Amino acid sequence: RLIAQAILDKNPRLRSVVNKTASIATEYRTFPMELLAGDPDLTVELKEHGAVFSFDFAAVYWNSRLQHEHSRLEQIMSSGGEVGAGGFRGPRGA
C-alpha cells in the first residue's frame, strides 16, 4: 500500500491504484480487484481517437490493444448510430 500511495503521489492525474486479485473468469471479462490507494470510485473517462469513453473500470473490460475496435465504435456513434458492445451501450454521444 505504501508503493501504491507513492504511485499516486508521483502521478497527479491518477485517482486510484488497484491490484488484480484473481484471473478473468466472467462472461464480460471483468476481474476482481482490491483498492490499494486513492478514490474508491472507479469511474473513468478515457479519450481515444477523438472519442470519450466513460465507464466503471470495475464493471467493464477495457483493453487499449482494441483501439481499432474502439475507433470503429466511435465512427458508428458519430454517424448517429447506436452501439452495444460488452459493457457499453448507448446512442451517439454529445
N, C-alpha and C. Protein backbone atom coordinates (compact mmCIF):
# COMPACT_ATOMS: atom_id res chain seq x y z
N ARG A 1 0.82 -1.20 0.00
CA ARG A 1 0.00 0.00 0.00
C ARG A 1 0.86 1.26 0.00
N LEU A 2 2.02 1.17 0.57
CA LEU A 2 2.94 2.31 0.57
C LEU A 2 3.38 2.63 -0.86
N ILE A 3 3.67 1.60 -1.64
CA ILE A 3 4.07 1.80 -3.04
C ILE A 3 2.90 2.38 -3.84
N ALA A 4 1.70 1.88 -3.59
CA ALA A 4 0.52 2.40 -4.28
C ALA A 4 0.34 3.89 -3.99
N GLN A 5 0.52 4.30 -2.75
CA GLN A 5 0.40 5.72 -2.41
C GLN A 5 1.50 6.53 -3.08
N ALA A 6 2.71 5.97 -3.16
CA ALA A 6 3.81 6.67 -3.85
C ALA A 6 3.48 6.85 -5.34
N ILE A 7 2.86 5.85 -5.94
CA ILE A 7 2.45 5.96 -7.35
C ILE A 7 1.47 7.12 -7.52
N LEU A 8 0.49 7.21 -6.61
CA LEU A 8 -0.46 8.33 -6.67
C LEU A 8 0.24 9.67 -6.48
N ASP A 9 1.15 9.72 -5.52
CA ASP A 9 1.85 10.98 -5.23
C ASP A 9 2.67 11.46 -6.42
N LYS A 10 3.24 10.56 -7.19
CA LYS A 10 4.09 10.92 -8.33
C LYS A 10 3.32 11.12 -9.63
N ASN A 11 2.05 10.74 -9.65
CA ASN A 11 1.23 10.83 -10.86
C ASN A 11 -0.08 11.56 -10.53
N PRO A 12 -0.06 12.87 -10.54
CA PRO A 12 -1.23 13.63 -10.09
C PRO A 12 -2.51 13.41 -10.92
N ARG A 13 -2.39 12.89 -12.13
CA ARG A 13 -3.58 12.63 -12.95
C ARG A 13 -4.28 11.34 -12.54
N LEU A 14 -3.61 10.48 -11.77
CA LEU A 14 -4.23 9.24 -11.30
C LEU A 14 -5.06 9.51 -10.06
N ARG A 15 -6.16 8.77 -9.94
CA ARG A 15 -7.01 8.90 -8.75
C ARG A 15 -6.97 7.65 -7.87
N SER A 16 -6.66 6.49 -8.47
CA SER A 16 -6.74 5.22 -7.75
C SER A 16 -5.65 4.27 -8.22
N VAL A 17 -5.24 3.38 -7.33
CA VAL A 17 -4.34 2.29 -7.69
C VAL A 17 -5.02 1.01 -7.21
N VAL A 18 -5.16 0.04 -8.13
CA VAL A 18 -5.82 -1.21 -7.79
C VAL A 18 -4.89 -2.38 -8.07
N ASN A 19 -5.22 -3.50 -7.48
CA ASN A 19 -4.49 -4.74 -7.69
C ASN A 19 -5.48 -5.80 -8.16
N LYS A 20 -5.18 -6.45 -9.28
CA LYS A 20 -6.00 -7.55 -9.78
C LYS A 20 -5.78 -8.74 -8.84
N THR A 21 -6.85 -9.25 -8.24
CA THR A 21 -6.70 -10.29 -7.22
C THR A 21 -6.96 -11.71 -7.71
N ALA A 22 -7.50 -11.84 -8.93
CA ALA A 22 -7.76 -13.18 -9.48
C ALA A 22 -7.82 -13.08 -11.00
N SER A 23 -7.88 -14.23 -11.63
CA SER A 23 -7.95 -14.28 -13.09
C SER A 23 -9.29 -13.78 -13.60
N ILE A 24 -9.29 -13.39 -14.87
CA ILE A 24 -10.53 -13.02 -15.55
C ILE A 24 -11.34 -14.30 -15.71
N ALA A 25 -12.56 -14.29 -15.17
CA ALA A 25 -13.34 -15.53 -15.21
C ALA A 25 -14.81 -15.29 -15.52
N THR A 26 -15.20 -14.06 -15.81
CA THR A 26 -16.61 -13.80 -16.06
C THR A 26 -16.89 -13.70 -17.55
N GLU A 27 -18.14 -13.78 -17.90
CA GLU A 27 -18.57 -13.67 -19.30
C GLU A 27 -18.13 -12.33 -19.90
N TYR A 28 -18.09 -11.28 -19.08
CA TYR A 28 -17.75 -9.94 -19.57
C TYR A 28 -16.28 -9.58 -19.37
N ARG A 29 -15.47 -10.55 -19.02
CA ARG A 29 -14.01 -10.42 -18.89
C ARG A 29 -13.58 -9.40 -17.83
N THR A 30 -14.41 -9.19 -16.83
CA THR A 30 -14.01 -8.34 -15.72
C THR A 30 -13.26 -9.21 -14.71
N PHE A 31 -12.61 -8.58 -13.77
CA PHE A 31 -11.84 -9.34 -12.79
C PHE A 31 -11.96 -8.68 -11.42
N PRO A 32 -11.84 -9.49 -10.36
CA PRO A 32 -11.88 -8.92 -9.02
C PRO A 32 -10.61 -8.12 -8.75
N MET A 33 -10.79 -7.03 -8.02
CA MET A 33 -9.64 -6.19 -7.70
C MET A 33 -9.81 -5.59 -6.31
N GLU A 34 -8.68 -5.20 -5.75
CA GLU A 34 -8.71 -4.52 -4.47
C GLU A 34 -8.14 -3.12 -4.65
N LEU A 35 -8.71 -2.18 -3.95
CA LEU A 35 -8.21 -0.81 -3.97
C LEU A 35 -7.00 -0.73 -3.05
N LEU A 36 -5.87 -0.32 -3.59
CA LEU A 36 -4.65 -0.19 -2.78
C LEU A 36 -4.48 1.22 -2.25
N ALA A 37 -4.92 2.22 -3.03
CA ALA A 37 -4.80 3.61 -2.59
C ALA A 37 -5.72 4.48 -3.44
N GLY A 38 -6.16 5.57 -2.86
CA GLY A 38 -6.92 6.55 -3.62
C GLY A 38 -8.43 6.42 -3.53
N ASP A 39 -9.08 6.98 -4.53
CA ASP A 39 -10.53 7.10 -4.60
C ASP A 39 -11.18 5.75 -4.92
N PRO A 40 -12.15 5.30 -4.12
CA PRO A 40 -12.82 4.03 -4.41
C PRO A 40 -13.76 4.08 -5.61
N ASP A 41 -14.09 5.28 -6.10
CA ASP A 41 -14.93 5.42 -7.29
C ASP A 41 -14.07 5.11 -8.51
N LEU A 42 -14.33 4.00 -9.18
CA LEU A 42 -13.51 3.58 -10.31
C LEU A 42 -14.11 3.97 -11.66
N THR A 43 -14.97 4.99 -11.66
CA THR A 43 -15.49 5.52 -12.91
C THR A 43 -14.37 6.30 -13.59
N VAL A 44 -14.10 5.95 -14.84
CA VAL A 44 -13.01 6.59 -15.57
C VAL A 44 -13.56 7.28 -16.81
N GLU A 45 -12.82 8.26 -17.28
CA GLU A 45 -13.10 8.90 -18.56
C GLU A 45 -11.83 8.79 -19.37
N LEU A 46 -11.94 8.11 -20.49
CA LEU A 46 -10.77 7.82 -21.32
C LEU A 46 -10.99 8.39 -22.71
N LYS A 47 -9.98 9.09 -23.23
CA LYS A 47 -10.07 9.68 -24.56
C LYS A 47 -9.19 8.88 -25.51
N GLU A 48 -9.79 8.50 -26.65
CA GLU A 48 -9.08 7.70 -27.63
C GLU A 48 -9.66 7.99 -29.02
N HIS A 49 -8.82 8.33 -29.98
CA HIS A 49 -9.25 8.60 -31.36
C HIS A 49 -10.33 9.68 -31.43
N GLY A 50 -10.25 10.66 -30.55
CA GLY A 50 -11.23 11.74 -30.57
C GLY A 50 -12.53 11.42 -29.87
N ALA A 51 -12.69 10.21 -29.38
CA ALA A 51 -13.91 9.82 -28.67
C ALA A 51 -13.62 9.78 -27.17
N VAL A 52 -14.65 10.05 -26.38
CA VAL A 52 -14.54 9.98 -24.93
C VAL A 52 -15.39 8.81 -24.46
N PHE A 53 -14.77 7.87 -23.77
CA PHE A 53 -15.46 6.73 -23.20
C PHE A 53 -15.51 6.92 -21.69
N SER A 54 -16.68 6.78 -21.11
CA SER A 54 -16.84 6.89 -19.67
C SER A 54 -17.45 5.58 -19.17
N PHE A 55 -16.79 4.96 -18.19
CA PHE A 55 -17.27 3.67 -17.70
C PHE A 55 -16.69 3.37 -16.34
N ASP A 56 -17.30 2.41 -15.65
CA ASP A 56 -16.82 1.93 -14.36
C ASP A 56 -15.78 0.84 -14.64
N PHE A 57 -14.55 1.11 -14.32
CA PHE A 57 -13.45 0.18 -14.61
C PHE A 57 -13.65 -1.18 -13.95
N ALA A 58 -14.34 -1.21 -12.81
CA ALA A 58 -14.57 -2.47 -12.12
C ALA A 58 -15.64 -3.32 -12.81
N ALA A 59 -16.47 -2.69 -13.66
CA ALA A 59 -17.58 -3.41 -14.26
C ALA A 59 -17.43 -3.65 -15.76
N VAL A 60 -16.43 -3.03 -16.38
CA VAL A 60 -16.28 -3.10 -17.84
C VAL A 60 -14.87 -3.55 -18.19
N TYR A 61 -14.77 -4.47 -19.11
CA TYR A 61 -13.46 -4.90 -19.62
C TYR A 61 -12.96 -3.84 -20.59
N TRP A 62 -11.76 -3.35 -20.36
CA TRP A 62 -11.14 -2.37 -21.27
C TRP A 62 -9.74 -2.84 -21.59
N ASN A 63 -9.42 -2.86 -22.86
CA ASN A 63 -8.08 -3.24 -23.29
C ASN A 63 -7.64 -2.25 -24.35
N SER A 64 -6.59 -1.50 -24.08
CA SER A 64 -6.14 -0.48 -25.04
C SER A 64 -5.63 -1.10 -26.34
N ARG A 65 -5.37 -2.39 -26.36
CA ARG A 65 -4.97 -3.05 -27.60
C ARG A 65 -6.13 -3.17 -28.60
N LEU A 66 -7.33 -2.88 -28.13
CA LEU A 66 -8.50 -2.94 -29.00
C LEU A 66 -8.83 -1.56 -29.59
N GLN A 67 -7.80 -0.74 -29.80
CA GLN A 67 -8.02 0.62 -30.29
C GLN A 67 -8.76 0.64 -31.62
N HIS A 68 -8.51 -0.32 -32.49
CA HIS A 68 -9.20 -0.35 -33.78
C HIS A 68 -10.70 -0.54 -33.57
N GLU A 69 -11.08 -1.44 -32.67
CA GLU A 69 -12.50 -1.66 -32.36
C GLU A 69 -13.11 -0.41 -31.72
N HIS A 70 -12.38 0.23 -30.84
CA HIS A 70 -12.88 1.46 -30.22
C HIS A 70 -13.10 2.54 -31.28
N SER A 71 -12.19 2.63 -32.24
CA SER A 71 -12.32 3.59 -33.34
C SER A 71 -13.55 3.28 -34.17
N ARG A 72 -13.80 2.00 -34.42
CA ARG A 72 -14.99 1.59 -35.18
C ARG A 72 -16.26 1.99 -34.45
N LEU A 73 -16.30 1.80 -33.14
CA LEU A 73 -17.46 2.21 -32.34
C LEU A 73 -17.66 3.72 -32.43
N GLU A 74 -16.57 4.47 -32.37
CA GLU A 74 -16.66 5.93 -32.45
C GLU A 74 -17.23 6.35 -33.78
N GLN A 75 -16.84 5.69 -34.86
CA GLN A 75 -17.38 6.02 -36.18
C GLN A 75 -18.87 5.74 -36.25
N ILE A 76 -19.32 4.65 -35.67
CA ILE A 76 -20.75 4.33 -35.65
C ILE A 76 -21.50 5.40 -34.85
N MET A 77 -20.97 5.76 -33.68
CA MET A 77 -21.64 6.75 -32.84
C MET A 77 -21.67 8.12 -33.49
N SER A 78 -20.59 8.51 -34.16
CA SER A 78 -20.54 9.85 -34.76
C SER A 78 -21.47 9.96 -35.96
N SER A 79 -21.90 8.83 -36.53
CA SER A 79 -22.84 8.87 -37.64
C SER A 79 -24.29 8.77 -37.15
N GLY A 80 -24.47 8.82 -35.84
CA GLY A 80 -25.83 8.79 -35.28
C GLY A 80 -26.32 7.41 -34.92
N GLY A 81 -25.49 6.41 -35.08
CA GLY A 81 -25.90 5.05 -34.77
C GLY A 81 -25.89 4.77 -33.29
N GLU A 82 -26.48 3.64 -32.92
CA GLU A 82 -26.46 3.20 -31.54
C GLU A 82 -25.58 1.97 -31.45
N VAL A 83 -24.84 1.87 -30.38
CA VAL A 83 -23.94 0.73 -30.23
C VAL A 83 -24.23 -0.01 -28.94
N GLY A 84 -23.91 -1.27 -28.94
CA GLY A 84 -23.96 -2.10 -27.76
C GLY A 84 -22.86 -3.11 -27.88
N ALA A 85 -21.89 -3.04 -26.98
CA ALA A 85 -20.75 -3.96 -27.06
C ALA A 85 -20.27 -4.23 -25.65
N GLY A 86 -20.43 -5.44 -25.19
CA GLY A 86 -19.98 -5.78 -23.85
C GLY A 86 -20.63 -4.87 -22.83
N GLY A 87 -19.81 -4.09 -22.13
CA GLY A 87 -20.31 -3.19 -21.10
C GLY A 87 -20.79 -1.86 -21.62
N PHE A 88 -20.57 -1.56 -22.90
CA PHE A 88 -21.01 -0.28 -23.46
C PHE A 88 -22.37 -0.45 -24.11
N ARG A 89 -23.19 0.55 -24.01
CA ARG A 89 -24.41 0.61 -24.80
C ARG A 89 -24.89 2.04 -24.75
N GLY A 90 -25.23 2.58 -25.89
CA GLY A 90 -25.78 3.92 -25.86
C GLY A 90 -25.84 4.56 -27.21
N PRO A 91 -26.57 5.65 -27.28
CA PRO A 91 -26.68 6.40 -28.54
C PRO A 91 -25.44 7.24 -28.76
N ARG A 92 -25.39 7.85 -29.90
CA ARG A 92 -24.30 8.76 -30.25
C ARG A 92 -24.10 9.74 -29.12
N GLY A 93 -22.85 9.95 -28.72
CA GLY A 93 -22.53 10.88 -27.65
C GLY A 93 -22.53 12.32 -28.12
N ALA A 94 -22.62 13.22 -27.15
CA ALA A 94 -22.62 14.65 -27.48
C ALA A 94 -21.20 15.13 -27.66
